[in-house]
Amino acid sequence: MTIIQELTDGLAERLGMPVGIDDRQFRSVAYSSHTDEIDLVRRMSILGRQAPEEVTDWLLTLGISRSTNYVRVPENPGMHMVPRVCFPLRFHERLLGYLWLTKVNGPLSEALLAEAGAATG
């Protein structure tokens, strides 16, 4: 098991929800187990090890690659995506990838986002 996988699983356990990490080309690097149903985009990203191009194109229009803070990604029924939160992962301002939190039942609390944000720093 890689250190990134261990960190992903640890954060998922602390937050009580699934966590996924993609590189900056939206290729899956690590993901925690999912005990609840996951949307089609997450399933495709895990099984295909990369998010579909139409999804990544849309995500980039939301400014996630330029953001220095988390971005709330709205639901996209046309792409079969539930809402999620994206934390750009940076080192010395260089984008390395993205950490994803997906919660089907309601928005994520500010306390949960603060804890996830601290882990991405």
PDB file of N, CA and C in Angstrom:
ATOM      1  N   MET A   1       0.847  -1.176   0.000  1.00  0.00           N
ATOM      2  CA  MET A   1       0.000   0.000   0.000  1.00  0.00           C
ATOM      3  C   MET A   1       0.894   1.241   0.000  1.00  0.00           C
ATOM      4  N   THR A   2       0.553   2.206  -0.842  1.00  0.00           N
ATOM      5  CA  THR A   2       1.348   3.427  -0.922  1.00  0.00           C
ATOM      6  C   THR A   2       0.991   4.380   0.210  1.00  0.00           C
ATOM      7  N   ILE A   3       1.871   5.320   0.463  1.00  0.00           N
ATOM      8  CA  ILE A   3       1.611   6.324   1.495  1.00  0.00           C
ATOM      9  C   ILE A   3       0.394   7.168   1.126  1.00  0.00           C
ATOM     10  N   ILE A   4       0.206   7.434  -0.168  1.00  0.00           N
ATOM     11  CA  ILE A   4      -0.963   8.217  -0.585  1.00  0.00           C
ATOM     12  C   ILE A   4      -2.245   7.451  -0.280  1.00  0.00           C
ATOM     13  N   GLN A   5      -2.248   6.144  -0.511  1.00  0.00           N
ATOM     14  CA  GLN A   5      -3.425   5.344  -0.192  1.00  0.00           C
ATOM     15  C   GLN A   5      -3.674   5.322   1.307  1.00  0.00           C
ATOM     16  N   GLU A   6      -2.626   5.204   2.089  1.00  0.00           N
ATOM     17  CA  GLU A   6      -2.780   5.214   3.545  1.00  0.00           C
ATOM     18  C   GLU A   6      -3.346   6.543   4.031  1.00  0.00           C
ATOM     19  N   LEU A   7      -2.859   7.648   3.477  1.00  0.00           N
ATOM     20  CA  LEU A   7      -3.375   8.968   3.848  1.00  0.00           C
ATOM     21  C   LEU A   7      -4.840   9.124   3.428  1.00  0.00           C
ATOM     22  N   THR A   8      -5.174   8.622   2.254  1.00  0.00           N
ATOM     23  CA  THR A   8      -6.551   8.685   1.760  1.00  0.00           C
ATOM     24  C   THR A   8      -7.481   7.905   2.672  1.00  0.00           C
ATOM     25  N   ASP A   9      -7.101   6.694   3.016  1.00  0.00           N
ATOM     26  CA  ASP A   9      -7.928   5.874   3.901  1.00  0.00           C
ATOM     27  C   ASP A   9      -8.053   6.500   5.290  1.00  0.00           C
ATOM     28  N   GLY A  10      -6.972   7.056   5.794  1.00  0.00           N
ATOM     29  CA  GLY A  10      -6.998   7.703   7.106  1.00  0.00           C
ATOM     30  C   GLY A  10      -7.920   8.913   7.123  1.00  0.00           C
ATOM     31  N   LEU A  11      -7.844   9.731   6.085  1.00  0.00           N
ATOM     32  CA  LEU A  11      -8.716  10.901   6.020  1.00  0.00           C
ATOM     33  C   LEU A  11     -10.174  10.473   5.879  1.00  0.00           C
ATOM     34  N   ALA A  12     -10.443   9.476   5.060  1.00  0.00           N
ATOM     35  CA  ALA A  12     -11.811   8.980   4.902  1.00  0.00           C
ATOM     36  C   ALA A  12     -12.361   8.485   6.236  1.00  0.00           C
ATOM     37  N   GLU A  13     -11.536   7.815   7.001  1.00  0.00           N
ATOM     38  CA  GLU A  13     -11.975   7.326   8.312  1.00  0.00           C
ATOM     39  C   GLU A  13     -12.270   8.491   9.255  1.00  0.00           C
ATOM     40  N   ARG A  14     -11.375   9.493   9.280  1.00  0.00           N
ATOM     41  CA  ARG A  14     -11.591  10.649  10.153  1.00  0.00           C
ATOM     42  C   ARG A  14     -12.840  11.440   9.762  1.00  0.00           C
ATOM     43  N   LEU A  15     -13.089  11.578   8.464  1.00  0.00           N
ATOM     44  CA  LEU A  15     -14.228  12.357   7.995  1.00  0.00           C
ATOM     45  C   LEU A  15     -15.524  11.561   7.970  1.00  0.00           C
ATOM     46  N   GLY A  16     -15.396  10.232   7.949  1.00  0.00           N
ATOM     47  CA  GLY A  16     -16.583   9.383   7.885  1.00  0.00           C
ATOM     48  C   GLY A  16     -17.254   9.409   6.524  1.00  0.00           C
ATOM     49  N   MET A  17     -16.440   9.562   5.474  1.00  0.00           N
ATOM     50  CA  MET A  17     -16.982   9.610   4.119  1.00  0.00           C
ATOM     51  C   MET A  17     -15.901   9.244   3.121  1.00  0.00           C
ATOM     52  N   PRO A  18     -16.300   8.870   1.903  1.00  0.00           N
ATOM     53  CA  PRO A  18     -15.314   8.506   0.890  1.00  0.00           C
ATOM     54  C   PRO A  18     -14.442   9.697   0.471  1.00  0.00           C
ATOM     55  N   VAL A  19     -13.192   9.386   0.167  1.00  0.00           N
ATOM     56  CA  VAL A  19     -12.224  10.372  -0.300  1.00  0.00           C
ATOM     57  C   VAL A  19     -11.567   9.808  -1.549  1.00  0.00           C
ATOM     58  N   GLY A  20     -11.379  10.656  -2.543  1.00  0.00           N
ATOM     59  CA  GLY A  20     -10.668  10.256  -3.749  1.00  0.00           C
ATOM     60  C   GLY A  20      -9.590  11.269  -4.077  1.00  0.00           C
ATOM     61  N   ILE A  21      -8.502  10.800  -4.650  1.00  0.00           N
ATOM     62  CA  ILE A  21      -7.426  11.690  -5.083  1.00  0.00           C
ATOM     63  C   ILE A  21      -7.112  11.389  -6.535  1.00  0.00           C
ATOM     64  N   ASP A  22      -7.094  12.453  -7.327  1.00  0.00           N
ATOM     65  CA  ASP A  22      -6.741  12.366  -8.741  1.00  0.00           C
ATOM     66  C   ASP A  22      -5.500  13.212  -8.977  1.00  0.00           C
ATOM     67  N   ASP A  23      -4.738  12.860 -10.006  1.00  0.00           N
ATOM     68  CA  ASP A  23      -3.636  13.733 -10.395  1.00  0.00           C
ATOM     69  C   ASP A  23      -4.203  14.907 -11.189  1.00  0.00           C
ATOM     70  N   ARG A  24      -3.355  15.791 -11.680  1.00  0.00           N
ATOM     71  CA  ARG A  24      -3.870  16.993 -12.344  1.00  0.00           C
ATOM     72  C   ARG A  24      -4.483  16.717 -13.718  1.00  0.00           C
ATOM     73  N   GLN A  25      -4.294  15.504 -14.246  1.00  0.00           N
ATOM     74  CA  GLN A  25      -4.972  15.110 -15.483  1.00  0.00           C
ATOM     75  C   GLN A  25      -6.234  14.298 -15.187  1.00  0.00           C
ATOM     76  N   PHE A  26      -6.666  14.314 -13.933  1.00  0.00           N
ATOM     77  CA  PHE A  26      -7.877  13.635 -13.477  1.00  0.00           C
ATOM     78  C   PHE A  26      -7.781  12.119 -13.563  1.00  0.00           C
ATOM     79  N   ARG A  27      -6.564  11.605 -13.411  1.00  0.00           N
ATOM     80  CA  ARG A  27      -6.376  10.153 -13.335  1.00  0.00           C
ATOM     81  C   ARG A  27      -6.401   9.765 -11.862  1.00  0.00           C
ATOM     82  N   SER A  28      -7.113   8.705 -11.566  1.00  0.00           N
ATOM     83  CA  SER A  28      -7.262   8.255 -10.186  1.00  0.00           C
ATOM     84  C   SER A  28      -5.922   7.790  -9.612  1.00  0.00           C
ATOM     85  N   VAL A  29      -5.563   8.347  -8.473  1.00  0.00           N
ATOM     86  CA  VAL A  29      -4.321   7.991  -7.787  1.00  0.00           C
ATOM     87  C   VAL A  29      -4.628   7.104  -6.582  1.00  0.00           C
ATOM     88  N   ALA A  30      -5.652   7.478  -5.827  1.00  0.00           N
ATOM     89  CA  ALA A  30      -6.045   6.716  -4.638  1.00  0.00           C
ATOM     90  C   ALA A  30      -7.507   7.022  -4.331  1.00  0.00           C
ATOM     91  N   TYR A  31      -8.176   6.071  -3.720  1.00  0.00           N
ATOM     92  CA  TYR A  31      -9.553   6.289  -3.295  1.00  0.00           C
ATOM     93  C   TYR A  31      -9.848   5.357  -2.138  1.00  0.00           C
ATOM     94  N   SER A  32     -10.718   5.830  -1.262  1.00  0.00           N
ATOM     95  CA  SER A  32     -11.117   5.013  -0.126  1.00  0.00           C
ATOM     96  C   SER A  32     -12.278   4.122  -0.536  1.00  0.00           C
ATOM     97  N   SER A  33     -12.630   3.218   0.340  1.00  0.00           N
ATOM     98  CA  SER A  33     -13.785   2.368   0.054  1.00  0.00           C
ATOM     99  C   SER A  33     -15.047   3.221   0.102  1.00  0.00           C
ATOM    100  N   HIS A  34     -16.053   2.766  -0.605  1.00  0.00           N
ATOM    101  CA  HIS A  34     -17.340   3.450  -0.671  1.00  0.00           C
ATOM    102  C   HIS A  34     -18.391   2.500  -0.125  1.00  0.00           C
ATOM    103  N   THR A  35     -19.020   2.880   0.973  1.00  0.00           N
ATOM    104  CA  THR A  35     -20.040   2.011   1.556  1.00  0.00           C
ATOM    105  C   THR A  35     -21.425   2.346   1.032  1.00  0.00           C
ATOM    106  N   ASP A  36     -21.608   3.559   0.527  1.00  0.00           N
ATOM    107  CA  ASP A  36     -22.885   3.971  -0.045  1.00  0.00           C
ATOM    108  C   ASP A  36     -22.793   3.907  -1.561  1.00  0.00           C
ATOM    109  N   GLU A  37     -23.926   4.098  -2.211  1.00  0.00           N
ATOM    110  CA  GLU A  37     -23.969   4.159  -3.670  1.00  0.00           C
ATOM    111  C   GLU A  37     -23.124   5.339  -4.151  1.00  0.00           C
ATOM    112  N   ILE A  38     -22.406   5.150  -5.251  1.00  0.00           N
ATOM    113  CA  ILE A  38     -21.621   6.235  -5.821  1.00  0.00           C
ATOM    114  C   ILE A  38     -22.180   6.587  -7.194  1.00  0.00           C
ATOM    115  N   ASP A  39     -21.957   7.826  -7.610  1.00  0.00           N
ATOM    116  CA  ASP A  39     -22.501   8.240  -8.893  1.00  0.00           C
ATOM    117  C   ASP A  39     -21.694   7.654 -10.049  1.00  0.00           C
ATOM    118  N   LEU A  40     -22.263   7.775 -11.229  1.00  0.00           N
ATOM    119  CA  LEU A  40     -21.664   7.180 -12.427  1.00  0.00           C
ATOM    120  C   LEU A  40     -20.271   7.725 -12.716  1.00  0.00           C
ATOM    121  N   VAL A  41     -20.071   9.021 -12.516  1.00  0.00           N
ATOM    122  CA  VAL A  41     -18.761   9.623 -12.807  1.00  0.00           C
ATOM    123  C   VAL A  41     -17.684   9.054 -11.886  1.00  0.00           C
ATOM    124  N   ARG A  42     -17.999   8.924 -10.599  1.00  0.00           N
ATOM    125  CA  ARG A  42     -17.000   8.367  -9.672  1.00  0.00           C
ATOM    126  C   ARG A  42     -16.704   6.913 -10.035  1.00  0.00           C
ATOM    127  N   ARG A  43     -17.749   6.165 -10.341  1.00  0.00           N
ATOM    128  CA  ARG A  43     -17.571   4.761 -10.708  1.00  0.00           C
ATOM    129  C   ARG A  43     -16.686   4.646 -11.959  1.00  0.00           C
ATOM    130  N   MET A  44     -16.967   5.473 -12.963  1.00  0.00           N
ATOM    131  CA  MET A  44     -16.166   5.440 -14.191  1.00  0.00           C
ATOM    132  C   MET A  44     -14.720   5.861 -13.926  1.00  0.00           C
ATOM    133  N   SER A  45     -14.539   6.835 -13.036  1.00  0.00           N
ATOM    134  CA  SER A  45     -13.193   7.303 -12.713  1.00  0.00           C
ATOM    135  C   SER A  45     -12.379   6.216 -12.013  1.00  0.00           C
ATOM    136  N   ILE A  46     -13.033   5.462 -11.155  1.00  0.00           N
ATOM    137  CA  ILE A  46     -12.343   4.391 -10.440  1.00  0.00           C
ATOM    138  C   ILE A  46     -12.063   3.217 -11.378  1.00  0.00           C
ATOM    139  N   LEU A  47     -13.086   2.765 -12.084  1.00  0.00           N
ATOM    140  CA  LEU A  47     -12.921   1.594 -12.940  1.00  0.00           C
ATOM    141  C   LEU A  47     -12.031   1.878 -14.151  1.00  0.00           C
ATOM    142  N   GLY A  48     -12.144   3.079 -14.706  1.00  0.00           N
ATOM    143  CA  GLY A  48     -11.335   3.431 -15.866  1.00  0.00           C
ATOM    144  C   GLY A  48     -10.045   4.143 -15.509  1.00  0.00           C
ATOM    145  N   ARG A  49      -9.863   4.404 -14.203  1.00  0.00           N
ATOM    146  CA  ARG A  49      -8.682   5.102 -13.675  1.00  0.00           C
ATOM    147  C   ARG A  49      -8.515   6.519 -14.207  1.00  0.00           C
ATOM    148  N   GLN A  50      -9.591   7.063 -14.778  1.00  0.00           N
ATOM    149  CA  GLN A  50      -9.554   8.431 -15.270  1.00  0.00           C
ATOM    150  C   GLN A  50     -10.984   8.907 -15.460  1.00  0.00           C
ATOM    151  N   ALA A  51     -11.204  10.179 -15.149  1.00  0.00           N
ATOM    152  CA  ALA A  51     -12.531  10.750 -15.351  1.00  0.00           C
ATOM    153  C   ALA A  51     -12.792  10.941 -16.843  1.00  0.00           C
ATOM    154  N   PRO A  52     -14.051  10.818 -17.253  1.00  0.00           N
ATOM    155  CA  PRO A  52     -14.384  11.051 -18.663  1.00  0.00           C
ATOM    156  C   PRO A  52     -14.019  12.483 -19.086  1.00  0.00           C
ATOM    157  N   GLU A  53     -13.586  12.631 -20.320  1.00  0.00           N
ATOM    158  CA  GLU A  53     -13.110  13.930 -20.811  1.00  0.00           C
ATOM    159  C   GLU A  53     -14.181  15.012 -20.742  1.00  0.00           C
ATOM    160  N   GLU A  54     -15.426  14.675 -21.052  1.00  0.00           N
ATOM    161  CA  GLU A  54     -16.489  15.689 -20.989  1.00  0.00           C
ATOM    162  C   GLU A  54     -16.665  16.201 -19.560  1.00  0.00           C
ATOM    163  N   VAL A  55     -16.444  15.344 -18.585  1.00  0.00           N
ATOM    164  CA  VAL A  55     -16.545  15.746 -17.182  1.00  0.00           C
ATOM    165  C   VAL A  55     -15.380  16.659 -16.817  1.00  0.00           C
ATOM    166  N   THR A  56     -14.175  16.274 -17.192  1.00  0.00           N
ATOM    167  CA  THR A  56     -13.015  17.098 -16.835  1.00  0.00           C
ATOM    168  C   THR A  56     -13.076  18.458 -17.525  1.00  0.00           C
ATOM    169  N   ASP A  57     -13.548  18.491 -18.751  1.00  0.00           N
ATOM    170  CA  ASP A  57     -13.710  19.776 -19.436  1.00  0.00           C
ATOM    171  C   ASP A  57     -14.663  20.679 -18.663  1.00  0.00           C
ATOM    172  N   TRP A  58     -15.783  20.101 -18.207  1.00  0.00           N
ATOM    173  CA  TRP A  58     -16.753  20.876 -17.435  1.00  0.00           C
ATOM    174  C   TRP A  58     -16.164  21.333 -16.102  1.00  0.00           C
ATOM    175  N   LEU A  59     -15.462  20.431 -15.419  1.00  0.00           N
ATOM    176  CA  LEU A  59     -14.865  20.787 -14.131  1.00  0.00           C
ATOM    177  C   LEU A  59     -13.885  21.946 -14.269  1.00  0.00           C
ATOM    178  N   LEU A  60     -13.126  21.956 -15.335  1.00  0.00           N
ATOM    179  CA  LEU A  60     -12.162  23.043 -15.549  1.00  0.00           C
ATOM    180  C   LEU A  60     -12.853  24.382 -15.758  1.00  0.00           C
ATOM    181  N   THR A  61     -14.076  24.375 -16.319  1.00  0.00           N
ATOM    182  CA  THR A  61     -14.800  25.643 -16.474  1.00  0.00           C
ATOM    183  C   THR A  61     -15.215  26.224 -15.126  1.00  0.00           C
ATOM    184  N   LEU A  62     -15.210  25.400 -14.080  1.00  0.00           N
ATOM    185  CA  LEU A  62     -15.562  25.865 -12.737  1.00  0.00           C
ATOM    186  C   LEU A  62     -14.373  26.497 -12.012  1.00  0.00           C
ATOM    187  N   GLY A  63     -13.208  26.470 -12.629  1.00  0.00           N
ATOM    188  CA  GLY A  63     -12.034  27.116 -12.053  1.00  0.00           C
ATOM    189  C   GLY A  63     -11.270  26.296 -11.033  1.00  0.00           C
ATOM    190  N   ILE A  64     -11.493  24.992 -10.988  1.00  0.00           N
ATOM    191  CA  ILE A  64     -10.832  24.202  -9.944  1.00  0.00           C
ATOM    192  C   ILE A  64      -9.311  24.162 -10.107  1.00  0.00           C
ATOM    193  N   SER A  65      -8.814  24.256 -11.323  1.00  0.00           N
ATOM    194  CA  SER A  65      -7.356  24.189 -11.518  1.00  0.00           C
ATOM    195  C   SER A  65      -6.664  25.483 -11.099  1.00  0.00           C
ATOM    196  N   ARG A  66      -7.409  26.577 -11.003  1.00  0.00           N
ATOM    197  CA  ARG A  66      -6.839  27.866 -10.605  1.00  0.00           C
ATOM    198  C   ARG A  66      -7.088  28.193  -9.141  1.00  0.00           C
ATOM    199  N   SER A  67      -8.002  27.485  -8.533  1.00  0.00           N
ATOM    200  CA  SER A  67      -8.401  27.796  -7.166  1.00  0.00           C
ATOM    201  C   SER A  67      -7.300  27.481  -6.160  1.00  0.00           C
ATOM    202  N   THR A  68      -7.252  28.286  -5.122  1.00  0.00           N
ATOM    203  CA  THR A  68      -6.328  28.019  -4.016  1.00  0.00           C
ATOM    204  C   THR A  68      -7.091  27.542  -2.784  1.00  0.00           C
ATOM    205  N   ASN A  69      -8.400  27.426  -2.905  1.00  0.00           N
ATOM    206  CA  ASN A  69      -9.236  26.941  -1.822  1.00  0.00           C
ATOM    207  C   ASN A  69     -10.173  25.876  -2.392  1.00  0.00           C
ATOM    208  N   TYR A  70     -10.959  25.269  -1.534  1.00  0.00           N
ATOM    209  CA  TYR A  70     -11.868  24.258  -2.035  1.00  0.00           C
ATOM    210  C   TYR A  70     -12.938  24.889  -2.924  1.00  0.00           C
ATOM    211  N   VAL A  71     -13.504  24.062  -3.797  1.00  0.00           N
ATOM    212  CA  VAL A  71     -14.558  24.497  -4.706  1.00  0.00           C
ATOM    213  C   VAL A  71     -15.734  23.545  -4.544  1.00  0.00           C
ATOM    214  N   ARG A  72     -16.895  24.101  -4.309  1.00  0.00           N
ATOM    215  CA  ARG A  72     -18.114  23.282  -4.282  1.00  0.00           C
ATOM    216  C   ARG A  72     -18.558  23.062  -5.720  1.00  0.00           C
ATOM    217  N   VAL A  73     -18.564  21.820  -6.131  1.00  0.00           N
ATOM    218  CA  VAL A  73     -18.951  21.457  -7.491  1.00  0.00           C
ATOM    219  C   VAL A  73     -20.430  21.076  -7.443  1.00  0.00           C
ATOM    220  N   PRO A  74     -21.260  21.770  -8.208  1.00  0.00           N
ATOM    221  CA  PRO A  74     -22.691  21.479  -8.144  1.00  0.00           C
ATOM    222  C   PRO A  74     -23.039  20.158  -8.814  1.00  0.00           C
ATOM    223  N   GLU A  75     -24.223  19.687  -8.492  1.00  0.00           N
ATOM    224  CA  GLU A  75     -24.756  18.496  -9.153  1.00  0.00           C
ATOM    225  C   GLU A  75     -24.837  18.753 -10.654  1.00  0.00           C
ATOM    226  N   ASN A  76     -24.580  17.710 -11.434  1.00  0.00           N
ATOM    227  CA  ASN A  76     -24.723  17.806 -12.883  1.00  0.00           C
ATOM    228  C   ASN A  76     -25.500  16.574 -13.348  1.00  0.00           C
ATOM    229  N   PRO A  77     -26.835  16.672 -13.359  1.00  0.00           N
ATOM    230  CA  PRO A  77     -27.650  15.515 -13.736  1.00  0.00           C
ATOM    231  C   PRO A  77     -27.348  14.993 -15.137  1.00  0.00           C
ATOM    232  N   GLY A  78     -26.997  15.872 -16.063  1.00  0.00           N
ATOM    233  CA  GLY A  78     -26.697  15.433 -17.422  1.00  0.00           C
ATOM    234  C   GLY A  78     -25.475  14.532 -17.488  1.00  0.00           C
ATOM    235  N   MET A  79     -24.580  14.664 -16.515  1.00  0.00           N
ATOM    236  CA  MET A  79     -23.381  13.822 -16.457  1.00  0.00           C
ATOM    237  C   MET A  79     -23.486  12.774 -15.359  1.00  0.00           C
ATOM    238  N   HIS A  80     -24.644  12.716 -14.706  1.00  0.00           N
ATOM    239  CA  HIS A  80     -24.890  11.744 -13.631  1.00  0.00           C
ATOM    240  C   HIS A  80     -23.920  11.960 -12.472  1.00  0.00           C
ATOM    241  N   MET A  81     -23.739  13.226 -12.102  1.00  0.00           N
ATOM    242  CA  MET A  81     -22.842  13.590 -10.998  1.00  0.00           C
ATOM    243  C   MET A  81     -23.637  14.190  -9.850  1.00  0.00           C
ATOM    244  N   VAL A  82     -23.374  13.678  -8.653  1.00  0.00           N
ATOM    245  CA  VAL A  82     -23.917  14.320  -7.458  1.00  0.00           C
ATOM    246  C   VAL A  82     -22.969  15.463  -7.081  1.00  0.00           C
ATOM    247  N   PRO A  83     -23.408  16.375  -6.209  1.00  0.00           N
ATOM    248  CA  PRO A  83     -22.509  17.454  -5.788  1.00  0.00           C
ATOM    249  C   PRO A  83     -21.280  16.884  -5.091  1.00  0.00           C
ATOM    250  N   ARG A  84     -20.195  17.614  -5.171  1.00  0.00           N
ATOM    251  CA  ARG A  84     -18.961  17.209  -4.511  1.00  0.00           C
ATOM    252  C   ARG A  84     -18.157  18.445  -4.175  1.00  0.00           C
ATOM    253  N   VAL A  85     -17.124  18.236  -3.408  1.00  0.00           N
ATOM    254  CA  VAL A  85     -16.200  19.321  -3.072  1.00  0.00           C
ATOM    255  C   VAL A  85     -14.824  18.901  -3.552  1.00  0.00           C
ATOM    256  N   CYS A  86     -14.159  19.841  -4.204  1.00  0.00           N
ATOM    257  CA  CYS A  86     -12.818  19.602  -4.748  1.00  0.00           C
ATOM    258  C   CYS A  86     -11.812  20.476  -4.013  1.00  0.00           C
ATOM    259  N   PHE A  87     -10.760  19.857  -3.523  1.00  0.00           N
ATOM    260  CA  PHE A  87      -9.630  20.571  -2.933  1.00  0.00           C
ATOM    261  C   PHE A  87      -8.448  20.434  -3.881  1.00  0.00           C
ATOM    262  N   PRO A  88      -8.035  21.521  -4.542  1.00  0.00           N
ATOM    263  CA  PRO A  88      -6.829  21.434  -5.360  1.00  0.00           C
ATOM    264  C   PRO A  88      -5.626  21.133  -4.453  1.00  0.00           C
ATOM    265  N   LEU A  89      -4.803  20.215  -4.862  1.00  0.00           N
ATOM    266  CA  LEU A  89      -3.606  19.850  -4.089  1.00  0.00           C
ATOM    267  C   LEU A  89      -2.412  20.558  -4.715  1.00  0.00           C
ATOM    268  N   ARG A  90      -1.767  21.387  -3.929  1.00  0.00           N
ATOM    269  CA  ARG A  90      -0.660  22.203  -4.441  1.00  0.00           C
ATOM    270  C   ARG A  90       0.573  22.046  -3.563  1.00  0.00           C
ATOM    271  N   PHE A  91       1.718  22.246  -4.188  1.00  0.00           N
ATOM    272  CA  PHE A  91       2.993  22.324  -3.481  1.00  0.00           C
ATOM    273  C   PHE A  91       3.719  23.526  -4.054  1.00  0.00           C
ATOM    274  N   HIS A  92       3.978  24.511  -3.199  1.00  0.00           N
ATOM    275  CA  HIS A  92       4.594  25.767  -3.651  1.00  0.00           C
ATOM    276  C   HIS A  92       3.853  26.332  -4.858  1.00  0.00           C
ATOM    277  N   GLU A  93       2.547  26.399  -4.751  1.00  0.00           N
ATOM    278  CA  GLU A  93       1.645  26.951  -5.763  1.00  0.00           C
ATOM    279  C   GLU A  93       1.513  26.098  -7.024  1.00  0.00           C
ATOM    280  N   ARG A  94       2.248  25.011  -7.129  1.00  0.00           N
ATOM    281  CA  ARG A  94       2.154  24.133  -8.301  1.00  0.00           C
ATOM    282  C   ARG A  94       1.045  23.107  -8.082  1.00  0.00           C
ATOM    283  N   LEU A  95       0.135  23.013  -9.045  1.00  0.00           N
ATOM    284  CA  LEU A  95      -0.971  22.068  -8.957  1.00  0.00           C
ATOM    285  C   LEU A  95      -0.452  20.643  -9.143  1.00  0.00           C
ATOM    286  N   LEU A  96      -0.743  19.793  -8.155  1.00  0.00           N
ATOM    287  CA  LEU A  96      -0.353  18.386  -8.227  1.00  0.00           C
ATOM    288  C   LEU A  96      -1.538  17.487  -8.544  1.00  0.00           C
ATOM    289  N   GLY A  97      -2.723  17.890  -8.112  1.00  0.00           N
ATOM    290  CA  GLY A  97      -3.901  17.068  -8.311  1.00  0.00           C
ATOM    291  C   GLY A  97      -5.081  17.606  -7.532  1.00  0.00           C
ATOM    292  N   TYR A  98      -6.029  16.702  -7.251  1.00  0.00           N
ATOM    293  CA  TYR A  98      -7.280  17.099  -6.606  1.00  0.00           C
ATOM    294  C   TYR A  98      -7.710  16.057  -5.583  1.00  0.00           C
ATOM    295  N   LEU A  99      -8.220  16.540  -4.473  1.00  0.00           N
ATOM    296  CA  LEU A  99      -8.840  15.676  -3.476  1.00  0.00           C
ATOM    297  C   LEU A  99     -10.342  15.897  -3.588  1.00  0.00           C
ATOM    298  N   TRP A 100     -11.097  14.805  -3.629  1.00  0.00           N
ATOM    299  CA  TRP A 100     -12.542  14.861  -3.830  1.00  0.00           C
ATOM    300  C   TRP A 100     -13.296  14.306  -2.640  1.00  0.00           C
ATOM    301  N   LEU A 101     -14.327  15.023  -2.225  1.00  0.00           N
ATOM    302  CA  LEU A 101     -15.264  14.559  -1.207  1.00  0.00           C
ATOM    303  C   LEU A 101     -16.648  14.579  -1.829  1.00  0.00           C
ATOM    304  N   THR A 102     -17.349  13.494  -1.699  1.00  0.00           N
ATOM    305  CA  THR A 102     -18.698  13.400  -2.258  1.00  0.00           C
ATOM    306  C   THR A 102     -19.641  12.951  -1.161  1.00  0.00           C
ATOM    307  N   LYS A 103     -20.685  13.728  -0.970  1.00  0.00           N
ATOM    308  CA  LYS A 103     -21.688  13.364   0.023  1.00  0.00           C
ATOM    309  C   LYS A 103     -23.053  13.481  -0.626  1.00  0.00           C
ATOM    310  N   VAL A 104     -23.746  12.369  -0.716  1.00  0.00           N
ATOM    311  CA  VAL A 104     -25.028  12.334  -1.410  1.00  0.00           C
ATOM    312  C   VAL A 104     -26.117  13.031  -0.602  1.00  0.00           C
ATOM    313  N   ASN A 105     -26.093  12.890   0.702  1.00  0.00           N
ATOM    314  CA  ASN A 105     -27.179  13.392   1.557  1.00  0.00           C
ATOM    315  C   ASN A 105     -26.855  14.740   2.173  1.00  0.00           C
ATOM    316  N   GLY A 106     -26.978  15.801   1.402  1.00  0.00           N
ATOM    317  CA  GLY A 106     -26.816  17.145   1.936  1.00  0.00           C
ATOM    318  C   GLY A 106     -25.405  17.678   1.821  1.00  0.00           C
ATOM    319  N   PRO A 107     -25.271  18.981   2.071  1.00  0.00           N
ATOM    320  CA  PRO A 107     -23.962  19.626   1.938  1.00  0.00           C
ATOM    321  C   PRO A 107     -23.015  19.235   3.073  1.00  0.00           C
ATOM    322  N   LEU A 108     -21.747  19.417   2.819  1.00  0.00           N
ATOM    323  CA  LEU A 108     -20.726  19.138   3.828  1.00  0.00           C
ATOM    324  C   LEU A 108     -20.636  20.315   4.788  1.00  0.00           C
ATOM    325  N   SER A 109     -20.434  20.013   6.057  1.00  0.00           N
ATOM    326  CA  SER A 109     -20.353  21.070   7.066  1.00  0.00           C
ATOM    327  C   SER A 109     -19.026  21.818   6.951  1.00  0.00           C
ATOM    328  N   GLU A 110     -19.023  23.031   7.459  1.00  0.00           N
ATOM    329  CA  GLU A 110     -17.790  23.832   7.435  1.00  0.00           C
ATOM    330  C   GLU A 110     -16.697  23.174   8.290  1.00  0.00           C
ATOM    331  N   ALA A 111     -17.082  22.527   9.389  1.00  0.00           N
ATOM    332  CA  ALA A 111     -16.099  21.846  10.240  1.00  0.00           C
ATOM    333  C   ALA A 111     -15.431  20.700   9.480  1.00  0.00           C
ATOM    334  N   LEU A 112     -16.214  19.954   8.746  1.00  0.00           N
ATOM    335  CA  LEU A 112     -15.679  18.848   7.951  1.00  0.00           C
ATOM    336  C   LEU A 112     -14.758  19.374   6.852  1.00  0.00           C
ATOM    337  N   LEU A 113     -15.172  20.461   6.208  1.00  0.00           N
ATOM    338  CA  LEU A 113     -14.343  21.062   5.164  1.00  0.00           C
ATOM    339  C   LEU A 113     -13.044  21.606   5.734  1.00  0.00           C
ATOM    340  N   ALA A 114     -13.111  22.181   6.922  1.00  0.00           N
ATOM    341  CA  ALA A 114     -11.900  22.704   7.568  1.00  0.00           C
ATOM    342  C   ALA A 114     -10.925  21.566   7.883  1.00  0.00           C
ATOM    343  N   GLU A 115     -11.437  20.440   8.343  1.00  0.00           N
ATOM    344  CA  GLU A 115     -10.576  19.299   8.639  1.00  0.00           C
ATOM    345  C   GLU A 115      -9.939  18.747   7.358  1.00  0.00           C
ATOM    346  N   ALA A 116     -10.736  18.631   6.306  1.00  0.00           N
ATOM    347  CA  ALA A 116     -10.204  18.166   5.023  1.00  0.00           C
ATOM    348  C   ALA A 116      -9.165  19.158   4.491  1.00  0.00           C
ATOM    349  N   GLY A 117      -9.457  20.449   4.616  1.00  0.00           N
ATOM    350  CA  GLY A 117      -8.523  21.475   4.164  1.00  0.00           C
ATOM    351  C   GLY A 117      -7.200  21.418   4.902  1.00  0.00           C
ATOM    352  N   ALA A 118      -7.269  21.159   6.199  1.00  0.00           N
ATOM    353  CA  ALA A 118      -6.033  21.036   6.977  1.00  0.00           C
ATOM    354  C   ALA A 118      -5.203  19.850   6.499  1.00  0.00           C
ATOM    355  N   ALA A 119      -5.877  18.790   6.097  1.00  0.00           N
ATOM    356  CA  ALA A 119      -5.159  17.604   5.619  1.00  0.00           C
ATOM    357  C   ALA A 119      -4.508  17.846   4.269  1.00  0.00           C
ATOM    358  N   THR A 120      -5.058  18.750   3.466  1.00  0.00           N
ATOM    359  CA  THR A 120      -4.492  18.999   2.143  1.00  0.00           C
ATOM    360  C   THR A 120      -3.323  19.967   2.195  1.00  0.00           C
ATOM    361  N   GLY A 121      -3.185  20.692   3.278  1.00  0.00           N
ATOM    362  CA  GLY A 121      -2.097  21.659   3.405  1.00  0.00           C
ATOM    363  C   GLY A 121      -0.783  20.963   3.558  1.00  0.00           C
TER     364      GLY A 121
END
